[in-house]
PDB file of N, CA and C in Angstrom:
ATOM      1  N   MET A   1      12.004 -19.983 -56.162  1.00  0.00           N
ATOM      2  CA  MET A   1      10.630 -20.139 -56.645  1.00  0.00           C
ATOM      3  C   MET A   1       9.929 -21.247 -55.866  1.00  0.00           C
ATOM      4  N   ASP A   2       8.711 -20.962 -55.441  1.00  0.00           N
ATOM      5  CA  ASP A   2       7.932 -21.938 -54.697  1.00  0.00           C
ATOM      6  C   ASP A   2       7.161 -22.811 -55.686  1.00  0.00           C
ATOM      7  N   ASP A   3       7.475 -24.102 -55.690  1.00  0.00           N
ATOM      8  CA  ASP A   3       6.854 -25.031 -56.629  1.00  0.00           C
ATOM      9  C   ASP A   3       5.673 -25.779 -56.020  1.00  0.00           C
ATOM     10  N   LYS A   4       5.283 -25.406 -54.816  1.00  0.00           N
ATOM     11  CA  LYS A   4       4.171 -26.085 -54.146  1.00  0.00           C
ATOM     12  C   LYS A   4       2.896 -25.276 -54.324  1.00  0.00           C
ATOM     13  N   ILE A   5       1.805 -26.002 -54.564  1.00  0.00           N
ATOM     14  CA  ILE A   5       0.500 -25.350 -54.664  1.00  0.00           C
ATOM     15  C   ILE A   5      -0.490 -26.070 -53.756  1.00  0.00           C
ATOM     16  N   ILE A   6      -1.496 -25.335 -53.306  1.00  0.00           N
ATOM     17  CA  ILE A   6      -2.595 -25.883 -52.527  1.00  0.00           C
ATOM     18  C   ILE A   6      -3.836 -25.837 -53.413  1.00  0.00           C
ATOM     19  N   VAL A   7      -4.498 -26.982 -53.550  1.00  0.00           N
ATOM     20  CA  VAL A   7      -5.720 -27.067 -54.350  1.00  0.00           C
ATOM     21  C   VAL A   7      -6.848 -27.477 -53.411  1.00  0.00           C
ATOM     22  N   THR A   8      -7.912 -26.683 -53.393  1.00  0.00           N
ATOM     23  CA  THR A   8      -9.080 -26.958 -52.560  1.00  0.00           C
ATOM     24  C   THR A   8     -10.282 -27.178 -53.473  1.00  0.00           C
ATOM     25  N   VAL A   9     -11.005 -28.267 -53.220  1.00  0.00           N
ATOM     26  CA  VAL A   9     -12.175 -28.625 -54.029  1.00  0.00           C
ATOM     27  C   VAL A   9     -13.367 -28.729 -53.089  1.00  0.00           C
ATOM     28  N   SER A  10     -14.490 -28.141 -53.490  1.00  0.00           N
ATOM     29  CA  SER A  10     -15.668 -28.154 -52.638  1.00  0.00           C
ATOM     30  C   SER A  10     -16.927 -28.179 -53.493  1.00  0.00           C
ATOM     31  N   GLY A  11     -17.903 -28.966 -53.051  1.00  0.00           N
ATOM     32  CA  GLY A  11     -19.179 -29.003 -53.759  1.00  0.00           C
ATOM     33  C   GLY A  11     -19.982 -30.235 -53.393  1.00  0.00           C
ATOM     34  N   VAL A  12     -21.120 -30.390 -54.046  1.00  0.00           N
ATOM     35  CA  VAL A  12     -21.987 -31.542 -53.807  1.00  0.00           C
ATOM     36  C   VAL A  12     -21.272 -32.796 -54.290  1.00  0.00           C
ATOM     37  N   ASP A  13     -21.292 -33.842 -53.464  1.00  0.00           N
ATOM     38  CA  ASP A  13     -20.602 -35.091 -53.799  1.00  0.00           C
ATOM     39  C   ASP A  13     -21.241 -35.751 -55.013  1.00  0.00           C
ATOM     40  N   LYS A  14     -20.381 -36.299 -55.875  1.00  0.00           N
ATOM     41  CA  LYS A  14     -20.843 -37.050 -57.045  1.00  0.00           C
ATOM     42  C   LYS A  14     -19.720 -37.979 -57.488  1.00  0.00           C
ATOM     43  N   ILE A  15     -20.047 -38.921 -58.307  1.00  0.00           N
ATOM     44  CA  ILE A  15     -19.060 -39.879 -58.807  1.00  0.00           C
ATOM     45  C   ILE A  15     -18.100 -39.181 -59.771  1.00  0.00           C
ATOM     46  N   GLY A  16     -16.805 -39.477 -59.645  1.00  0.00           N
ATOM     47  CA  GLY A  16     -15.813 -39.030 -60.617  1.00  0.00           C
ATOM     48  C   GLY A  16     -15.049 -37.766 -60.301  1.00  0.00           C
ATOM     49  N   ILE A  17     -15.287 -37.167 -59.147  1.00  0.00           N
ATOM     50  CA  ILE A  17     -14.596 -35.911 -58.810  1.00  0.00           C
ATOM     51  C   ILE A  17     -13.081 -36.129 -58.774  1.00  0.00           C
ATOM     52  N   VAL A  18     -12.645 -37.072 -57.959  1.00  0.00           N
ATOM     53  CA  VAL A  18     -11.206 -37.317 -57.798  1.00  0.00           C
ATOM     54  C   VAL A  18     -10.588 -37.747 -59.123  1.00  0.00           C
ATOM     55  N   ALA A  19     -11.288 -38.595 -59.875  1.00  0.00           N
ATOM     56  CA  ALA A  19     -10.775 -39.079 -61.166  1.00  0.00           C
ATOM     57  C   ALA A  19     -10.537 -37.925 -62.139  1.00  0.00           C
ATOM     58  N   LYS A  20     -11.481 -36.999 -62.234  1.00  0.00           N
ATOM     59  CA  LYS A  20     -11.321 -35.891 -63.191  1.00  0.00           C
ATOM     60  C   LYS A  20     -10.217 -34.933 -62.773  1.00  0.00           C
ATOM     61  N   ILE A  21     -10.109 -34.668 -61.494  1.00  0.00           N
ATOM     62  CA  ILE A  21      -9.083 -33.736 -61.021  1.00  0.00           C
ATOM     63  C   ILE A  21      -7.695 -34.354 -61.156  1.00  0.00           C
ATOM     64  N   THR A  22      -7.568 -35.617 -60.786  1.00  0.00           N
ATOM     65  CA  THR A  22      -6.258 -36.258 -60.904  1.00  0.00           C
ATOM     66  C   THR A  22      -5.865 -36.468 -62.364  1.00  0.00           C
ATOM     67  N   ALA A  23      -6.828 -36.590 -63.256  1.00  0.00           N
ATOM     68  CA  ALA A  23      -6.518 -36.672 -64.693  1.00  0.00           C
ATOM     69  C   ALA A  23      -5.891 -35.364 -65.174  1.00  0.00           C
ATOM     70  N   VAL A  24      -6.372 -34.238 -64.663  1.00  0.00           N
ATOM     71  CA  VAL A  24      -5.769 -32.934 -64.997  1.00  0.00           C
ATOM     72  C   VAL A  24      -4.342 -32.889 -64.461  1.00  0.00           C
ATOM     73  N   PHE A  25      -4.137 -33.355 -63.229  1.00  0.00           N
ATOM     74  CA  PHE A  25      -2.793 -33.379 -62.664  1.00  0.00           C
ATOM     75  C   PHE A  25      -1.854 -34.219 -63.523  1.00  0.00           C
ATOM     76  N   ALA A  26      -2.312 -35.362 -63.963  1.00  0.00           N
ATOM     77  CA  ALA A  26      -1.472 -36.234 -64.799  1.00  0.00           C
ATOM     78  C   ALA A  26      -1.139 -35.540 -66.121  1.00  0.00           C
ATOM     79  N   GLU A  27      -2.135 -34.953 -66.748  1.00  0.00           N
ATOM     80  CA  GLU A  27      -1.920 -34.272 -68.035  1.00  0.00           C
ATOM     81  C   GLU A  27      -0.953 -33.096 -67.911  1.00  0.00           C
ATOM     82  N   TYR A  28      -1.040 -32.378 -66.791  1.00  0.00           N
ATOM     83  CA  TYR A  28      -0.213 -31.188 -66.584  1.00  0.00           C
ATOM     84  C   TYR A  28       1.039 -31.467 -65.750  1.00  0.00           C
ATOM     85  N   GLU A  29       1.333 -32.751 -65.527  1.00  0.00           N
ATOM     86  CA  GLU A  29       2.561 -33.172 -64.845  1.00  0.00           C
ATOM     87  C   GLU A  29       2.695 -32.583 -63.444  1.00  0.00           C
ATOM     88  N   VAL A  30       1.594 -32.650 -62.691  1.00  0.00           N
ATOM     89  CA  VAL A  30       1.554 -32.152 -61.325  1.00  0.00           C
ATOM     90  C   VAL A  30       1.603 -33.349 -60.382  1.00  0.00           C
ATOM     91  N   ASN A  31       2.493 -33.296 -59.388  1.00  0.00           N
ATOM     92  CA  ASN A  31       2.627 -34.382 -58.425  1.00  0.00           C
ATOM     93  C   ASN A  31       1.837 -34.058 -57.156  1.00  0.00           C
ATOM     94  N   ILE A  32       0.976 -34.983 -56.729  1.00  0.00           N
ATOM     95  CA  ILE A  32       0.236 -34.824 -55.476  1.00  0.00           C
ATOM     96  C   ILE A  32       1.125 -35.330 -54.347  1.00  0.00           C
ATOM     97  N   GLU A  33       1.431 -34.463 -53.400  1.00  0.00           N
ATOM     98  CA  GLU A  33       2.285 -34.837 -52.270  1.00  0.00           C
ATOM     99  C   GLU A  33       1.483 -35.198 -51.027  1.00  0.00           C
ATOM    100  N   ASP A  34       0.305 -34.618 -50.889  1.00  0.00           N
ATOM    101  CA  ASP A  34      -0.556 -34.939 -49.751  1.00  0.00           C
ATOM    102  C   ASP A  34      -1.995 -34.652 -50.154  1.00  0.00           C
ATOM    103  N   ILE A  35      -2.902 -35.447 -49.631  1.00  0.00           N
ATOM    104  CA  ILE A  35      -4.313 -35.274 -49.984  1.00  0.00           C
ATOM    105  C   ILE A  35      -5.173 -35.622 -48.775  1.00  0.00           C
ATOM    106  N   LYS A  36      -6.167 -34.795 -48.528  1.00  0.00           N
ATOM    107  CA  LYS A  36      -7.142 -35.030 -47.463  1.00  0.00           C
ATOM    108  C   LYS A  36      -8.519 -34.760 -48.063  1.00  0.00           C
ATOM    109  N   GLN A  37      -9.446 -35.639 -47.773  1.00  0.00           N
ATOM    110  CA  GLN A  37     -10.803 -35.385 -48.244  1.00  0.00           C
ATOM    111  C   GLN A  37     -11.796 -35.852 -47.203  1.00  0.00           C
ATOM    112  N   THR A  38     -12.961 -35.252 -47.240  1.00  0.00           N
ATOM    113  CA  THR A  38     -14.018 -35.617 -46.318  1.00  0.00           C
ATOM    114  C   THR A  38     -15.366 -35.359 -46.971  1.00  0.00           C
ATOM    115  N   LEU A  39     -16.364 -35.965 -46.421  1.00  0.00           N
ATOM    116  CA  LEU A  39     -17.738 -35.759 -46.869  1.00  0.00           C
ATOM    117  C   LEU A  39     -18.524 -35.266 -45.661  1.00  0.00           C
ATOM    118  N   MET A  40     -19.092 -34.074 -45.776  1.00  0.00           N
ATOM    119  CA  MET A  40     -19.854 -33.498 -44.673  1.00  0.00           C
ATOM    120  C   MET A  40     -21.285 -33.281 -45.133  1.00  0.00           C
ATOM    121  N   GLN A  41     -22.178 -34.150 -44.681  1.00  0.00           N
ATOM    122  CA  GLN A  41     -23.607 -34.056 -45.020  1.00  0.00           C
ATOM    123  C   GLN A  41     -23.819 -33.912 -46.519  1.00  0.00           C
ATOM    124  N   GLY A  42     -23.150 -34.767 -47.292  1.00  0.00           N
ATOM    125  CA  GLY A  42     -23.301 -34.758 -48.745  1.00  0.00           C
ATOM    126  C   GLY A  42     -22.454 -33.725 -49.464  1.00  0.00           C
ATOM    127  N   HIS A  43     -21.673 -32.964 -48.707  1.00  0.00           N
ATOM    128  CA  HIS A  43     -20.810 -31.927 -49.288  1.00  0.00           C
ATOM    129  C   HIS A  43     -19.372 -32.449 -49.318  1.00  0.00           C
ATOM    130  N   PHE A  44     -18.799 -32.552 -50.502  1.00  0.00           N
ATOM    131  CA  PHE A  44     -17.458 -33.075 -50.708  1.00  0.00           C
ATOM    132  C   PHE A  44     -16.435 -31.952 -50.528  1.00  0.00           C
ATOM    133  N   VAL A  45     -15.391 -32.212 -49.729  1.00  0.00           N
ATOM    134  CA  VAL A  45     -14.308 -31.244 -49.530  1.00  0.00           C
ATOM    135  C   VAL A  45     -12.980 -31.990 -49.642  1.00  0.00           C
ATOM    136  N   MET A  46     -12.067 -31.456 -50.449  1.00  0.00           N
ATOM    137  CA  MET A  46     -10.758 -32.086 -50.617  1.00  0.00           C
ATOM    138  C   MET A  46      -9.678 -31.010 -50.653  1.00  0.00           C
ATOM    139  N   PHE A  47      -8.577 -31.289 -49.951  1.00  0.00           N
ATOM    140  CA  PHE A  47      -7.407 -30.410 -49.946  1.00  0.00           C
ATOM    141  C   PHE A  47      -6.227 -31.206 -50.466  1.00  0.00           C
ATOM    142  N   MET A  48      -5.454 -30.622 -51.356  1.00  0.00           N
ATOM    143  CA  MET A  48      -4.277 -31.295 -51.887  1.00  0.00           C
ATOM    144  C   MET A  48      -3.076 -30.361 -51.864  1.00  0.00           C
ATOM    145  N   LEU A  49      -1.943 -30.914 -51.444  1.00  0.00           N
ATOM    146  CA  LEU A  49      -0.667 -30.226 -51.549  1.00  0.00           C
ATOM    147  C   LEU A  49       0.031 -30.847 -52.755  1.00  0.00           C
ATOM    148  N   CYS A  50       0.341 -30.036 -53.739  1.00  0.00           N
ATOM    149  CA  CYS A  50       0.911 -30.538 -54.986  1.00  0.00           C
ATOM    150  C   CYS A  50       2.222 -29.830 -55.302  1.00  0.00           C
ATOM    151  N   ASN A  51       3.029 -30.486 -56.134  1.00  0.00           N
ATOM    152  CA  ASN A  51       4.303 -29.929 -56.560  1.00  0.00           C
ATOM    153  C   ASN A  51       4.277 -29.796 -58.083  1.00  0.00           C
ATOM    154  N   ILE A  52       4.572 -28.590 -58.568  1.00  0.00           N
ATOM    155  CA  ILE A  52       4.551 -28.336 -60.013  1.00  0.00           C
ATOM    156  C   ILE A  52       5.961 -28.147 -60.580  1.00  0.00           C
ATOM    157  N   ALA A  53       6.984 -28.504 -59.804  1.00  0.00           N
ATOM    158  CA  ALA A  53       8.383 -28.281 -60.215  1.00  0.00           C
ATOM    159  C   ALA A  53       8.724 -28.972 -61.534  1.00  0.00           C
ATOM    160  N   LYS A  54       8.200 -30.157 -61.768  1.00  0.00           N
ATOM    161  CA  LYS A  54       8.559 -30.918 -62.964  1.00  0.00           C
ATOM    162  C   LYS A  54       7.582 -30.714 -64.121  1.00  0.00           C
ATOM    163  N   SER A  55       6.602 -29.845 -63.921  1.00  0.00           N
ATOM    164  CA  SER A  55       5.629 -29.569 -64.979  1.00  0.00           C
ATOM    165  C   SER A  55       6.211 -28.585 -65.984  1.00  0.00           C
ATOM    166  N   LYS A  56       5.933 -28.812 -67.258  1.00  0.00           N
ATOM    167  CA  LYS A  56       6.352 -27.855 -68.286  1.00  0.00           C
ATOM    168  C   LYS A  56       5.333 -26.725 -68.436  1.00  0.00           C
ATOM    169  N   TYR A  57       4.252 -26.809 -67.647  1.00  0.00           N
ATOM    170  CA  TYR A  57       3.187 -25.806 -67.707  1.00  0.00           C
ATOM    171  C   TYR A  57       3.366 -24.786 -66.593  1.00  0.00           C
ATOM    172  N   SER A  58       2.870 -23.583 -66.827  1.00  0.00           N
ATOM    173  CA  SER A  58       2.961 -22.522 -65.822  1.00  0.00           C
ATOM    174  C   SER A  58       1.876 -22.703 -64.761  1.00  0.00           C
ATOM    175  N   PHE A  59       2.075 -22.038 -63.639  1.00  0.00           N
ATOM    176  CA  PHE A  59       1.066 -22.034 -62.579  1.00  0.00           C
ATOM    177  C   PHE A  59      -0.274 -21.574 -63.152  1.00  0.00           C
ATOM    178  N   LYS A  60      -0.235 -20.522 -63.957  1.00  0.00           N
ATOM    179  CA  LYS A  60      -1.465 -19.958 -64.537  1.00  0.00           C
ATOM    180  C   LYS A  60      -2.186 -20.991 -65.410  1.00  0.00           C
ATOM    181  N   GLU A  61      -1.445 -21.720 -66.239  1.00  0.00           N
ATOM    182  CA  GLU A  61      -2.060 -22.735 -67.101  1.00  0.00           C
ATOM    183  C   GLU A  61      -2.688 -23.859 -66.282  1.00  0.00           C
ATOM    184  N   ILE A  62      -2.002 -24.275 -65.240  1.00  0.00           N
ATOM    185  CA  ILE A  62      -2.519 -25.336 -64.373  1.00  0.00           C
ATOM    186  C   ILE A  62      -3.777 -24.855 -63.651  1.00  0.00           C
ATOM    187  N   LYS A  63      -3.715 -23.636 -63.130  1.00  0.00           N
ATOM    188  CA  LYS A  63      -4.867 -23.060 -62.424  1.00  0.00           C
ATOM    189  C   LYS A  63      -6.072 -22.951 -63.357  1.00  0.00           C
ATOM    190  N   GLU A  64      -5.859 -22.501 -64.583  1.00  0.00           N
ATOM    191  CA  GLU A  64      -6.961 -22.373 -65.541  1.00  0.00           C
ATOM    192  C   GLU A  64      -7.570 -23.731 -65.883  1.00  0.00           C
ATOM    193  N   ALA A  65      -6.733 -24.758 -66.043  1.00  0.00           N
ATOM    194  CA  ALA A  65      -7.234 -26.105 -66.353  1.00  0.00           C
ATOM    195  C   ALA A  65      -8.076 -26.641 -65.194  1.00  0.00           C
ATOM    196  N   LEU A  66      -7.630 -26.414 -63.973  1.00  0.00           N
ATOM    197  CA  LEU A  66      -8.374 -26.886 -62.804  1.00  0.00           C
ATOM    198  C   LEU A  66      -9.672 -26.100 -62.625  1.00  0.00           C
ATOM    199  N   THR A  67      -9.641 -24.800 -62.874  1.00  0.00           N
ATOM    200  CA  THR A  67     -10.847 -23.978 -62.774  1.00  0.00           C
ATOM    201  C   THR A  67     -11.890 -24.455 -63.785  1.00  0.00           C
ATOM    202  N   LYS A  68     -11.444 -24.748 -65.001  1.00  0.00           N
ATOM    203  CA  LYS A  68     -12.340 -25.254 -66.045  1.00  0.00           C
ATOM    204  C   LYS A  68     -12.946 -26.597 -65.624  1.00  0.00           C
ATOM    205  N   THR A  69     -12.136 -27.456 -65.058  1.00  0.00           N
ATOM    206  CA  THR A  69     -12.615 -28.758 -64.583  1.00  0.00           C
ATOM    207  C   THR A  69     -13.645 -28.569 -63.470  1.00  0.00           C
ATOM    208  N   GLY A  70     -13.407 -27.613 -62.590  1.00  0.00           N
ATOM    209  CA  GLY A  70     -14.370 -27.295 -61.536  1.00  0.00           C
ATOM    210  C   GLY A  70     -15.710 -26.872 -62.105  1.00  0.00           C
ATOM    211  N   GLU A  71     -15.677 -26.052 -63.153  1.00  0.00           N
ATOM    212  CA  GLU A  71     -16.918 -25.616 -63.796  1.00  0.00           C
ATOM    213  C   GLU A  71     -17.654 -26.811 -64.402  1.00  0.00           C
ATOM    214  N   GLU A  72     -16.901 -27.717 -65.050  1.00  0.00           N
ATOM    215  CA  GLU A  72     -17.502 -28.902 -65.654  1.00  0.00           C
ATOM    216  C   GLU A  72     -18.150 -29.802 -64.596  1.00  0.00           C
ATOM    217  N   LEU A  73     -17.562 -29.836 -63.408  1.00  0.00           N
ATOM    218  CA  LEU A  73     -18.072 -30.671 -62.317  1.00  0.00           C
ATOM    219  C   LEU A  73     -19.098 -29.939 -61.441  1.00  0.00           C
ATOM    220  N   SER A  74     -19.328 -28.657 -61.709  1.00  0.00           N
ATOM    221  CA  SER A  74     -20.154 -27.798 -60.850  1.00  0.00           C
ATOM    222  C   SER A  74     -19.606 -27.779 -59.419  1.00  0.00           C
ATOM    223  N   MET A  75     -18.267 -27.689 -59.329  1.00  0.00           N
ATOM    224  CA  MET A  75     -17.568 -27.652 -58.048  1.00  0.00           C
ATOM    225  C   MET A  75     -16.755 -26.357 -57.976  1.00  0.00           C
ATOM    226  N   GLU A  76     -16.464 -25.928 -56.755  1.00  0.00           N
ATOM    227  CA  GLU A  76     -15.546 -24.806 -56.554  1.00  0.00           C
ATOM    228  C   GLU A  76     -14.141 -25.385 -56.427  1.00  0.00           C
ATOM    229  N   ILE A  77     -13.209 -24.885 -57.226  1.00  0.00           N
ATOM    230  CA  ILE A  77     -11.811 -25.296 -57.101  1.00  0.00           C
ATOM    231  C   ILE A  77     -10.961 -24.038 -56.964  1.00  0.00           C
ATOM    232  N   TRP A  78     -10.202 -23.982 -55.858  1.00  0.00           N
ATOM    233  CA  TRP A  78      -9.290 -22.876 -55.620  1.00  0.00           C
ATOM    234  C   TRP A  78      -7.871 -23.400 -55.740  1.00  0.00           C
ATOM    235  N   VAL A  79      -7.025 -22.641 -56.410  1.00  0.00           N
ATOM    236  CA  VAL A  79      -5.625 -23.024 -56.583  1.00  0.00           C
ATOM    237  C   VAL A  79      -4.778 -21.840 -56.119  1.00  0.00           C
ATOM    238  N   GLN A  80      -3.893 -22.110 -55.155  1.00  0.00           N
ATOM    239  CA  GLN A  80      -3.043 -21.048 -54.621  1.00  0.00           C
ATOM    240  C   GLN A  80      -1.613 -21.556 -54.516  1.00  0.00           C
ATOM    241  N   LYS A  81      -0.675 -20.650 -54.670  1.00  0.00           N
ATOM    242  CA  LYS A  81       0.714 -21.009 -54.382  1.00  0.00           C
ATOM    243  C   LYS A  81       0.818 -21.200 -52.878  1.00  0.00           C
ATOM    244  N   LYS A  82       1.511 -22.236 -52.450  1.00  0.00           N
ATOM    245  CA  LYS A  82       1.603 -22.554 -51.022  1.00  0.00           C
ATOM    246  C   LYS A  82       2.186 -21.393 -50.230  1.00  0.00           C
ATOM    247  N   GLU A  83       3.161 -20.722 -50.796  1.00  0.00           N
ATOM    248  CA  GLU A  83       3.798 -19.585 -50.123  1.00  0.00           C
ATOM    249  C   GLU A  83       2.753 -18.510 -49.778  1.00  0.00           C
ATOM    250  N   ILE A  84       1.874 -18.207 -50.706  1.00  0.00           N
ATOM    251  CA  ILE A  84       0.830 -17.200 -50.473  1.00  0.00           C
ATOM    252  C   ILE A  84      -0.190 -17.732 -49.477  1.00  0.00           C
ATOM    253  N   PHE A  85      -0.569 -19.007 -49.637  1.00  0.00           N
ATOM    254  CA  PHE A  85      -1.501 -19.654 -48.711  1.00  0.00           C
ATOM    255  C   PHE A  85      -0.970 -19.565 -47.278  1.00  0.00           C
ATOM    256  N   ASP A  86       0.307 -19.916 -47.095  1.00  0.00           N
ATOM    257  CA  ASP A  86       0.927 -19.872 -45.762  1.00  0.00           C
ATOM    258  C   ASP A  86       0.917 -18.455 -45.197  1.00  0.00           C
ATOM    259  N   ASN A  87       1.247 -17.475 -46.021  1.00  0.00           N
ATOM    260  CA  ASN A  87       1.284 -16.085 -45.570  1.00  0.00           C
ATOM    261  C   ASN A  87      -0.105 -15.586 -45.174  1.00  0.00           C
ATOM    262  N   MET A  88      -1.125 -16.003 -45.933  1.00  0.00           N
ATOM    263  CA  MET A  88      -2.507 -15.591 -45.612  1.00  0.00           C
ATOM    264  C   MET A  88      -2.942 -16.147 -44.269  1.00  0.00           C
ATOM    265  N   HIS A  89      -2.462 -17.331 -43.931  1.00  0.00           N
ATOM    266  CA  HIS A  89      -2.912 -17.980 -42.692  1.00  0.00           C
ATOM    267  C   HIS A  89      -1.971 -17.737 -41.513  1.00  0.00           C
ATOM    268  N   ASN A  90      -0.974 -16.889 -41.705  1.00  0.00           N
ATOM    269  CA  ASN A  90      -0.072 -16.519 -40.617  1.00  0.00           C
ATOM    270  C   ASN A  90      -0.282 -15.077 -40.176  1.00  0.00           C
ATOM    271  N   VAL A  91      -1.339 -14.450 -40.663  1.00  0.00           N
ATOM    272  CA  VAL A  91      -1.610 -13.041 -40.327  1.00  0.00           C
ATOM    273  C   VAL A  91      -2.243 -12.953 -38.964  1.00  0.00           C
TER     274      VAL A  91
END
Protein backbone atom coordinates (compact mmCIF):
# COMPACT_ATOMS: atom_id res chain seq x y z
CA MET A 1 0.00 0.00 0.00
CA ASP A 2 1.27 3.43 -0.95
CA ASP A 3 1.08 5.72 2.09
CA LYS A 4 2.35 8.82 0.29
CA ILE A 5 0.04 11.52 -1.00
CA ILE A 6 0.61 14.67 -3.05
CA VAL A 7 -1.39 17.74 -2.01
CA THR A 8 -1.54 20.75 -4.34
CA VAL A 9 -3.00 24.08 -3.20
CA SER A 10 -3.69 26.97 -5.54
CA GLY A 11 -5.52 30.28 -5.32
CA VAL A 12 -5.35 33.96 -4.46
CA ASP A 13 -2.86 34.59 -1.65
CA LYS A 14 -4.28 35.43 1.77
CA ILE A 15 -3.30 35.15 5.41
CA GLY A 16 -3.73 31.75 7.07
CA ILE A 17 -3.58 29.32 4.15
CA VAL A 18 -0.67 27.26 5.47
CA ALA A 19 -2.01 27.41 9.05
CA LYS A 20 -5.44 26.03 8.10
CA ILE A 21 -4.08 23.26 5.90
CA THR A 22 -1.46 22.15 8.40
CA ALA A 23 -4.11 22.16 11.14
CA VAL A 24 -6.04 19.59 9.07
CA PHE A 25 -2.85 17.53 8.73
CA ALA A 26 -2.33 17.62 12.49
CA GLU A 27 -5.94 16.65 13.21
CA TYR A 28 -5.83 13.78 10.70
CA GLU A 29 -2.33 12.61 11.73
CA VAL A 30 -0.73 13.34 8.37
CA ASN A 31 3.05 13.88 8.25
CA ILE A 32 4.45 16.48 5.82
CA GLU A 33 7.65 15.09 4.31
CA ASP A 34 8.37 17.84 1.80
CA ILE A 35 6.82 21.20 1.00
CA LYS A 36 7.35 23.77 -1.74
CA GLN A 37 5.45 26.99 -2.12
CA THR A 38 5.64 30.06 -4.27
CA LEU A 39 3.77 33.25 -4.97
CA MET A 40 3.27 34.15 -8.62
CA GLN A 41 1.76 37.60 -9.19
CA GLY A 42 -0.46 37.28 -6.12
CA HIS A 43 -1.35 33.65 -6.87
CA PHE A 44 -0.37 31.22 -4.10
CA VAL A 45 0.81 27.73 -5.13
CA MET A 46 1.95 25.01 -2.73
CA PHE A 47 2.93 21.37 -3.26
CA MET A 48 3.29 18.93 -0.38
CA LEU A 49 4.47 15.34 -0.19
CA CYS A 50 2.78 13.77 2.82
CA ASN A 51 2.71 10.39 4.53
CA ILE A 52 -0.58 8.99 5.86
CA ALA A 53 0.84 5.67 7.16
CA LYS A 54 0.33 6.55 10.83
CA SER A 55 -3.10 8.15 10.36
CA LYS A 56 -6.14 6.29 11.66
CA TYR A 57 -8.14 8.01 8.91
CA SER A 58 -8.62 6.74 5.37
CA PHE A 59 -7.30 8.47 2.27
CA LYS A 60 -10.91 9.36 1.40
CA GLU A 61 -11.54 11.00 4.80
CA ILE A 62 -8.33 13.01 4.57
CA LYS A 63 -9.11 14.08 1.00
CA GLU A 64 -12.63 15.17 1.98
CA ALA A 65 -11.33 17.21 4.94
CA LEU A 66 -8.78 18.98 2.72
CA THR A 67 -11.36 19.61 -0.02
CA LYS A 68 -13.69 21.17 2.57
CA THR A 69 -10.84 23.35 3.85
CA GLY A 70 -10.13 24.44 0.27
CA GLU A 71 -13.75 25.51 -0.14
CA GLU A 72 -13.58 27.48 3.14
CA LEU A 73 -10.42 29.23 1.90
CA SER A 74 -11.77 29.71 -1.66
CA MET A 75 -8.72 27.74 -2.84
CA GLU A 76 -8.32 24.73 -5.12
CA ILE A 77 -6.90 21.73 -3.25
CA TRP A 78 -6.07 18.51 -5.08
CA VAL A 79 -5.17 15.35 -3.19
CA GLN A 80 -3.72 12.36 -5.03
CA LYS A 81 -2.00 9.16 -4.04
CA LYS A 82 1.66 9.56 -4.98
CA GLU A 83 1.63 6.27 -6.89
CA ILE A 84 -1.15 7.55 -9.19
CA PHE A 85 0.49 10.99 -9.45
CA ASP A 86 3.78 9.35 -10.53
CA ASN A 87 2.03 7.14 -13.09
CA MET A 88 0.15 10.12 -14.58
CA HIS A 89 3.41 12.01 -15.07
CA ASN A 90 5.32 9.07 -16.55
CA VAL A 91 3.02 8.64 -19.56
